[in-house]
Amino acid sequence: MNKKIGMIGSAINAFTVLAFAICMLIDFTFGSYFVCIILALSFVMMISAFETECRTECKAAGKAALVFSAIYATLIVIVYYTQCTSVINDNLDESAMKILAYKYMGLMFNLDMLGYGIMALSTFFIGLTINTETKADKALKALLLIHGVFFLSCFLMPITGIFANSDGSTSSGGVIALEIWCLYFLPIGILSFLHFKRS
């Protein structure tokens, strides 16, 4: 069962990262929001499966990764479920839209950045637990650990106010940054699937 959940979670994760990249390229906003919800849920499945493999000396790191994955998923589901319901249905007044609409880069955008920062912590801690028996697992471990660096930027940049009054969520620069993240994260889902398939 653990192996199946890991494989399914990893496969869904890889698929949703690819779907997110496509939705961004074709400017399908609802699609990009919706797949982020599925991505977050599949990430918890993937991390949960990794946590079950933890050796005794790595259990604290595994549990930290699992808890951080749950925090990430909670924040992301709140952000994007809000976009797919209240915001997309256009039943908010202007002041509420400025707070809740992701495109205004206010509260929801900041929570999204926080969520992905916490996701980076989760990948870092689970990366510490990966037993590198194959070249693919070595690559997976490196990608997970390096991804942890994103925590600092995701956590600190919204605090500086750098995104205030910006159109970065819809600008070409914002799209390019997200596409680069997709290119980085897609191999994590694929390598994780291969890891669970071999285990």
C-alpha atoms as a PDB file:
ATOM      1  CA  MET A   1       0.000   0.000   0.000  1.00  0.00           C
ATOM      2  CA  ASN A   2       2.810   2.463   0.885  1.00  0.00           C
ATOM      3  CA  LYS A   3       4.467   1.827  -2.491  1.00  0.00           C
ATOM      4  CA  LYS A   4       1.187   2.300  -4.379  1.00  0.00           C
ATOM      5  CA  ILE A   5       0.412   5.563  -2.587  1.00  0.00           C
ATOM      6  CA  GLY A   6       3.931   6.793  -3.320  1.00  0.00           C
ATOM      7  CA  MET A   7       3.669   5.889  -6.999  1.00  0.00           C
ATOM      8  CA  ILE A   8       0.207   7.405  -7.391  1.00  0.00           C
ATOM      9  CA  GLY A   9       1.127  10.577  -5.495  1.00  0.00           C
ATOM     10  CA  SER A  10       4.340  11.015  -7.504  1.00  0.00           C
ATOM     11  CA  ALA A  11       2.613  10.387 -10.836  1.00  0.00           C
ATOM     12  CA  ILE A  12      -0.159  12.873 -10.041  1.00  0.00           C
ATOM     13  CA  ASN A  13       2.440  15.358  -8.831  1.00  0.00           C
ATOM     14  CA  ALA A  14       4.417  15.139 -12.074  1.00  0.00           C
ATOM     15  CA  PHE A  15       1.238  15.374 -14.163  1.00  0.00           C
ATOM     16  CA  THR A  16      -0.060  18.437 -12.294  1.00  0.00           C
ATOM     17  CA  VAL A  17       3.283  20.254 -12.566  1.00  0.00           C
ATOM     18  CA  LEU A  18       3.187  19.646 -16.335  1.00  0.00           C
ATOM     19  CA  ALA A  19      -0.481  20.696 -16.509  1.00  0.00           C
ATOM     20  CA  PHE A  20       0.307  23.862 -14.529  1.00  0.00           C
ATOM     21  CA  ALA A  21       3.095  24.735 -16.957  1.00  0.00           C
ATOM     22  CA  ILE A  22       0.760  24.268 -19.928  1.00  0.00           C
ATOM     23  CA  CYS A  23      -2.063  26.267 -18.311  1.00  0.00           C
ATOM     24  CA  MET A  24       0.372  29.131 -17.693  1.00  0.00           C
ATOM     25  CA  LEU A  25       1.547  29.095 -21.315  1.00  0.00           C
ATOM     26  CA  ILE A  26      -1.981  29.164 -22.746  1.00  0.00           C
ATOM     27  CA  ASP A  27      -3.195  31.681 -20.122  1.00  0.00           C
ATOM     28  CA  PHE A  28      -5.852  29.330 -18.692  1.00  0.00           C
ATOM     29  CA  THR A  29      -6.090  30.907 -15.237  1.00  0.00           C
ATOM     30  CA  PHE A  30      -8.785  28.655 -13.755  1.00  0.00           C
ATOM     31  CA  GLY A  31      -6.865  25.575 -14.880  1.00  0.00           C
ATOM     32  CA  SER A  32      -3.608  26.772 -13.324  1.00  0.00           C
ATOM     33  CA  TYR A  33      -5.424  27.469 -10.040  1.00  0.00           C
ATOM     34  CA  PHE A  34      -7.272  24.143  -9.999  1.00  0.00           C
ATOM     35  CA  VAL A  35      -4.244  21.961 -10.726  1.00  0.00           C
ATOM     36  CA  CYS A  36      -2.356  23.617  -7.856  1.00  0.00           C
ATOM     37  CA  ILE A  37      -4.935  22.158  -5.467  1.00  0.00           C
ATOM     38  CA  ILE A  38      -4.352  18.657  -6.863  1.00  0.00           C
ATOM     39  CA  LEU A  39      -0.588  19.211  -6.847  1.00  0.00           C
ATOM     40  CA  ALA A  40      -0.663  20.060  -3.140  1.00  0.00           C
ATOM     41  CA  LEU A  41      -2.707  16.984  -2.229  1.00  0.00           C
ATOM     42  CA  SER A  42      -0.496  14.671  -4.305  1.00  0.00           C
ATOM     43  CA  PHE A  43       2.598  16.164  -2.673  1.00  0.00           C
ATOM     44  CA  VAL A  44       1.336  15.077   0.755  1.00  0.00           C
ATOM     45  CA  MET A  45       0.816  11.540  -0.606  1.00  0.00           C
ATOM     46  CA  MET A  46       4.346  11.502  -2.002  1.00  0.00           C
ATOM     47  CA  ILE A  47       5.985  12.803   1.182  1.00  0.00           C
ATOM     48  CA  SER A  48       3.922  10.412   3.314  1.00  0.00           C
ATOM     49  CA  ALA A  49       5.254   7.475   1.309  1.00  0.00           C
ATOM     50  CA  PHE A  50       8.838   8.706   1.672  1.00  0.00           C
ATOM     51  CA  GLU A  51       8.305   9.129   5.416  1.00  0.00           C
ATOM     52  CA  THR A  52       7.352   5.463   5.792  1.00  0.00           C
ATOM     53  CA  GLU A  53      10.779   4.505   4.386  1.00  0.00           C
ATOM     54  CA  CYS A  54      12.756   6.546   6.908  1.00  0.00           C
ATOM     55  CA  ARG A  55      15.538   4.772   8.728  1.00  0.00           C
ATOM     56  CA  THR A  56      15.571   5.155  12.523  1.00  0.00           C
ATOM     57  CA  GLU A  57      18.248   7.867  12.454  1.00  0.00           C
ATOM     58  CA  CYS A  58      16.199   9.877   9.913  1.00  0.00           C
ATOM     59  CA  LYS A  59      12.756   9.683  11.531  1.00  0.00           C
ATOM     60  CA  ALA A  60      12.817  13.249  12.913  1.00  0.00           C
ATOM     61  CA  ALA A  61      13.629  14.660   9.454  1.00  0.00           C
ATOM     62  CA  GLY A  62      10.905  12.503   7.908  1.00  0.00           C
ATOM     63  CA  LYS A  63       8.285  13.639  10.409  1.00  0.00           C
ATOM     64  CA  ALA A  64       9.295  17.287   9.934  1.00  0.00           C
ATOM     65  CA  ALA A  65       8.924  16.868   6.155  1.00  0.00           C
ATOM     66  CA  LEU A  66       5.483  15.303   6.590  1.00  0.00           C
ATOM     67  CA  VAL A  67       4.237  18.077   8.889  1.00  0.00           C
ATOM     68  CA  PHE A  68       5.627  20.781   6.595  1.00  0.00           C
ATOM     69  CA  SER A  69       3.900  19.111   3.620  1.00  0.00           C
ATOM     70  CA  ALA A  70       0.579  19.290   5.470  1.00  0.00           C
ATOM     71  CA  ILE A  71       1.094  22.983   6.296  1.00  0.00           C
ATOM     72  CA  TYR A  72       1.964  23.687   2.646  1.00  0.00           C
ATOM     73  CA  ALA A  73      -1.085  21.811   1.377  1.00  0.00           C
ATOM     74  CA  THR A  74      -3.404  23.601   3.812  1.00  0.00           C
ATOM     75  CA  LEU A  75      -2.201  27.044   2.733  1.00  0.00           C
ATOM     76  CA  ILE A  76      -2.273  26.222  -0.990  1.00  0.00           C
ATOM     77  CA  VAL A  77      -5.712  24.605  -0.930  1.00  0.00           C
ATOM     78  CA  ILE A  78      -7.100  27.666   0.890  1.00  0.00           C
ATOM     79  CA  VAL A  79      -5.484  30.066  -1.605  1.00  0.00           C
ATOM     80  CA  TYR A  80      -6.575  28.276  -4.775  1.00  0.00           C
ATOM     81  CA  TYR A  81      -9.962  27.073  -3.575  1.00  0.00           C
ATOM     82  CA  THR A  82     -10.685  30.733  -2.812  1.00  0.00           C
ATOM     83  CA  GLN A  83      -9.635  31.631  -6.380  1.00  0.00           C
ATOM     84  CA  CYS A  84     -11.736  28.837  -7.929  1.00  0.00           C
ATOM     85  CA  THR A  85     -14.853  29.729  -5.942  1.00  0.00           C
ATOM     86  CA  SER A  86     -15.272  33.201  -4.453  1.00  0.00           C
ATOM     87  CA  VAL A  87     -12.935  35.054  -6.821  1.00  0.00           C
ATOM     88  CA  ILE A  88     -13.699  33.316 -10.114  1.00  0.00           C
ATOM     89  CA  ASN A  89     -17.457  33.577  -9.509  1.00  0.00           C
ATOM     90  CA  ASP A  90     -17.055  37.355  -9.197  1.00  0.00           C
ATOM     91  CA  ASN A  91     -19.291  37.682  -6.149  1.00  0.00           C
ATOM     92  CA  LEU A  92     -16.966  39.963  -4.183  1.00  0.00           C
ATOM     93  CA  ASP A  93     -16.871  43.734  -3.995  1.00  0.00           C
ATOM     94  CA  GLU A  94     -13.770  45.651  -5.081  1.00  0.00           C
ATOM     95  CA  SER A  95     -12.168  45.877  -1.645  1.00  0.00           C
ATOM     96  CA  ALA A  96     -12.621  42.155  -1.016  1.00  0.00           C
ATOM     97  CA  MET A  97     -11.217  41.373  -4.469  1.00  0.00           C
ATOM     98  CA  LYS A  98      -8.051  43.341  -3.673  1.00  0.00           C
ATOM     99  CA  ILE A  99      -7.559  41.181  -0.585  1.00  0.00           C
ATOM    100  CA  LEU A 100      -8.605  37.787  -1.944  1.00  0.00           C
ATOM    101  CA  ALA A 101      -7.806  37.843  -5.667  1.00  0.00           C
ATOM    102  CA  TYR A 102      -4.404  36.318  -6.369  1.00  0.00           C
ATOM    103  CA  LYS A 103      -3.802  38.645  -9.318  1.00  0.00           C
ATOM    104  CA  TYR A 104      -3.630  41.693  -7.006  1.00  0.00           C
ATOM    105  CA  MET A 105      -0.614  40.146  -5.236  1.00  0.00           C
ATOM    106  CA  GLY A 106      -2.013  40.857  -1.795  1.00  0.00           C
ATOM    107  CA  LEU A 107      -2.927  38.475   1.005  1.00  0.00           C
ATOM    108  CA  MET A 108      -3.578  35.409  -1.171  1.00  0.00           C
ATOM    109  CA  PHE A 109      -0.350  35.876  -3.128  1.00  0.00           C
ATOM    110  CA  ASN A 110       1.609  36.231   0.117  1.00  0.00           C
ATOM    111  CA  LEU A 111       0.018  33.068   1.545  1.00  0.00           C
ATOM    112  CA  ASP A 112       0.876  31.283  -1.701  1.00  0.00           C
ATOM    113  CA  MET A 113       4.517  32.339  -1.385  1.00  0.00           C
ATOM    114  CA  LEU A 114       4.530  31.210   2.250  1.00  0.00           C
ATOM    115  CA  GLY A 115       3.014  27.878   1.236  1.00  0.00           C
ATOM    116  CA  TYR A 116       5.654  27.215  -1.403  1.00  0.00           C
ATOM    117  CA  GLY A 117       8.341  28.270   1.058  1.00  0.00           C
ATOM    118  CA  ILE A 118       7.045  25.656   3.505  1.00  0.00           C
ATOM    119  CA  MET A 119       6.969  23.135   0.626  1.00  0.00           C
ATOM    120  CA  ALA A 120      10.671  23.854   0.097  1.00  0.00           C
ATOM    121  CA  LEU A 121      11.326  23.043   3.769  1.00  0.00           C
ATOM    122  CA  SER A 122       9.449  19.783   3.300  1.00  0.00           C
ATOM    123  CA  THR A 123      11.547  18.804   0.282  1.00  0.00           C
ATOM    124  CA  PHE A 124      14.742  19.679   2.146  1.00  0.00           C
ATOM    125  CA  PHE A 125      13.918  17.528   5.158  1.00  0.00           C
ATOM    126  CA  ILE A 126      12.700  14.565   3.098  1.00  0.00           C
ATOM    127  CA  GLY A 127      15.844  14.897   0.975  1.00  0.00           C
ATOM    128  CA  LEU A 128      17.876  14.260   4.121  1.00  0.00           C
ATOM    129  CA  THR A 129      16.178  10.864   4.474  1.00  0.00           C
ATOM    130  CA  ILE A 130      16.671   9.511   0.935  1.00  0.00           C
ATOM    131  CA  ASN A 131      18.946   6.477   0.823  1.00  0.00           C
ATOM    132  CA  THR A 132      20.996   6.936  -2.353  1.00  0.00           C
ATOM    133  CA  GLU A 133      21.413   3.396  -3.672  1.00  0.00           C
ATOM    134  CA  THR A 134      21.090   4.373  -7.345  1.00  0.00           C
ATOM    135  CA  LYS A 135      22.131   7.276  -9.552  1.00  0.00           C
ATOM    136  CA  ALA A 136      18.471   8.240  -9.932  1.00  0.00           C
ATOM    137  CA  ASP A 137      18.069   8.430  -6.143  1.00  0.00           C
ATOM    138  CA  LYS A 138      21.246  10.520  -5.884  1.00  0.00           C
ATOM    139  CA  ALA A 139      19.783  12.964  -8.406  1.00  0.00           C
ATOM    140  CA  LEU A 140      16.455  12.974  -6.543  1.00  0.00           C
ATOM    141  CA  LYS A 141      18.159  13.657  -3.224  1.00  0.00           C
ATOM    142  CA  ALA A 142      20.156  16.554  -4.721  1.00  0.00           C
ATOM    143  CA  LEU A 143      17.052  18.099  -6.324  1.00  0.00           C
ATOM    144  CA  LEU A 144      15.085  17.842  -3.073  1.00  0.00           C
ATOM    145  CA  LEU A 145      17.854  19.356  -0.951  1.00  0.00           C
ATOM    146  CA  ILE A 146      18.584  22.202  -3.373  1.00  0.00           C
ATOM    147  CA  HIS A 147      14.865  22.967  -3.649  1.00  0.00           C
ATOM    148  CA  GLY A 148      14.972  23.727   0.074  1.00  0.00           C
ATOM    149  CA  VAL A 149      16.839  26.942  -0.701  1.00  0.00           C
ATOM    150  CA  PHE A 150      13.583  28.391  -2.096  1.00  0.00           C
ATOM    151  CA  PHE A 151      12.309  28.683   1.489  1.00  0.00           C
ATOM    152  CA  LEU A 152      14.350  31.806   2.133  1.00  0.00           C
ATOM    153  CA  SER A 153      13.190  33.737  -0.937  1.00  0.00           C
ATOM    154  CA  CYS A 154       9.563  32.620  -0.658  1.00  0.00           C
ATOM    155  CA  PHE A 155       9.445  33.536   3.024  1.00  0.00           C
ATOM    156  CA  LEU A 156      11.371  36.801   2.928  1.00  0.00           C
ATOM    157  CA  MET A 157      10.366  38.512  -0.331  1.00  0.00           C
ATOM    158  CA  PRO A 158       6.703  39.187   0.598  1.00  0.00           C
ATOM    159  CA  ILE A 159       7.871  40.705   3.906  1.00  0.00           C
ATOM    160  CA  THR A 160       9.956  43.280   2.020  1.00  0.00           C
ATOM    161  CA  GLY A 161       6.890  44.525   0.106  1.00  0.00           C
ATOM    162  CA  ILE A 162       8.675  43.902  -3.186  1.00  0.00           C
ATOM    163  CA  PHE A 163       5.444  42.634  -4.779  1.00  0.00           C
ATOM    164  CA  ALA A 164       3.235  45.501  -3.612  1.00  0.00           C
ATOM    165  CA  ASN A 165       1.509  47.271  -6.521  1.00  0.00           C
ATOM    166  CA  SER A 166       3.149  44.871  -8.951  1.00  0.00           C
ATOM    167  CA  ASP A 167       1.652  43.009 -11.896  1.00  0.00           C
ATOM    168  CA  GLY A 168       4.156  40.155 -11.572  1.00  0.00           C
ATOM    169  CA  SER A 169       1.485  37.463 -11.172  1.00  0.00           C
ATOM    170  CA  THR A 170       0.405  37.992 -14.768  1.00  0.00           C
ATOM    171  CA  SER A 171       3.545  39.522 -16.303  1.00  0.00           C
ATOM    172  CA  SER A 172       5.766  37.643 -18.722  1.00  0.00           C
ATOM    173  CA  GLY A 173       8.526  37.710 -16.103  1.00  0.00           C
ATOM    174  CA  GLY A 174       6.243  36.028 -13.572  1.00  0.00           C
ATOM    175  CA  VAL A 175       5.218  33.374 -16.090  1.00  0.00           C
ATOM    176  CA  ILE A 176       8.855  32.694 -17.010  1.00  0.00           C
ATOM    177  CA  ALA A 177       9.787  32.288 -13.335  1.00  0.00           C
ATOM    178  CA  LEU A 178       6.947  29.805 -12.820  1.00  0.00           C
ATOM    179  CA  GLU A 179       7.882  27.862 -15.957  1.00  0.00           C
ATOM    180  CA  ILE A 180      11.467  27.573 -14.697  1.00  0.00           C
ATOM    181  CA  TRP A 181      10.132  26.234 -11.377  1.00  0.00           C
ATOM    182  CA  CYS A 182       8.064  23.669 -13.293  1.00  0.00           C
ATOM    183  CA  LEU A 183      11.137  22.553 -15.249  1.00  0.00           C
ATOM    184  CA  TYR A 184      12.972  22.107 -11.950  1.00  0.00           C
ATOM    185  CA  PHE A 185      10.192  20.357 -10.041  1.00  0.00           C
ATOM    186  CA  LEU A 186       8.911  18.014 -12.764  1.00  0.00           C
ATOM    187  CA  PRO A 187      11.943  15.679 -12.477  1.00  0.00           C
ATOM    188  CA  ILE A 188      11.281  15.375  -8.724  1.00  0.00           C
ATOM    189  CA  GLY A 189       7.882  13.827  -9.412  1.00  0.00           C
ATOM    190  CA  ILE A 190       9.268  11.551 -12.131  1.00  0.00           C
ATOM    191  CA  LEU A 191      12.271  10.394 -10.080  1.00  0.00           C
ATOM    192  CA  SER A 192      10.048   9.857  -7.042  1.00  0.00           C
ATOM    193  CA  PHE A 193       7.744   7.648  -9.116  1.00  0.00           C
ATOM    194  CA  LEU A 194      10.733   5.611 -10.300  1.00  0.00           C
ATOM    195  CA  HIS A 195      11.993   5.379  -6.714  1.00  0.00           C
ATOM    196  CA  PHE A 196       8.731   3.918  -5.435  1.00  0.00           C
ATOM    197  CA  LYS A 197       8.427   1.628  -8.440  1.00  0.00           C
ATOM    198  CA  ARG A 198      11.850   0.140  -7.652  1.00  0.00           C
ATOM    199  CA  SER A 199      11.248  -0.162  -3.897  1.00  0.00           C
END
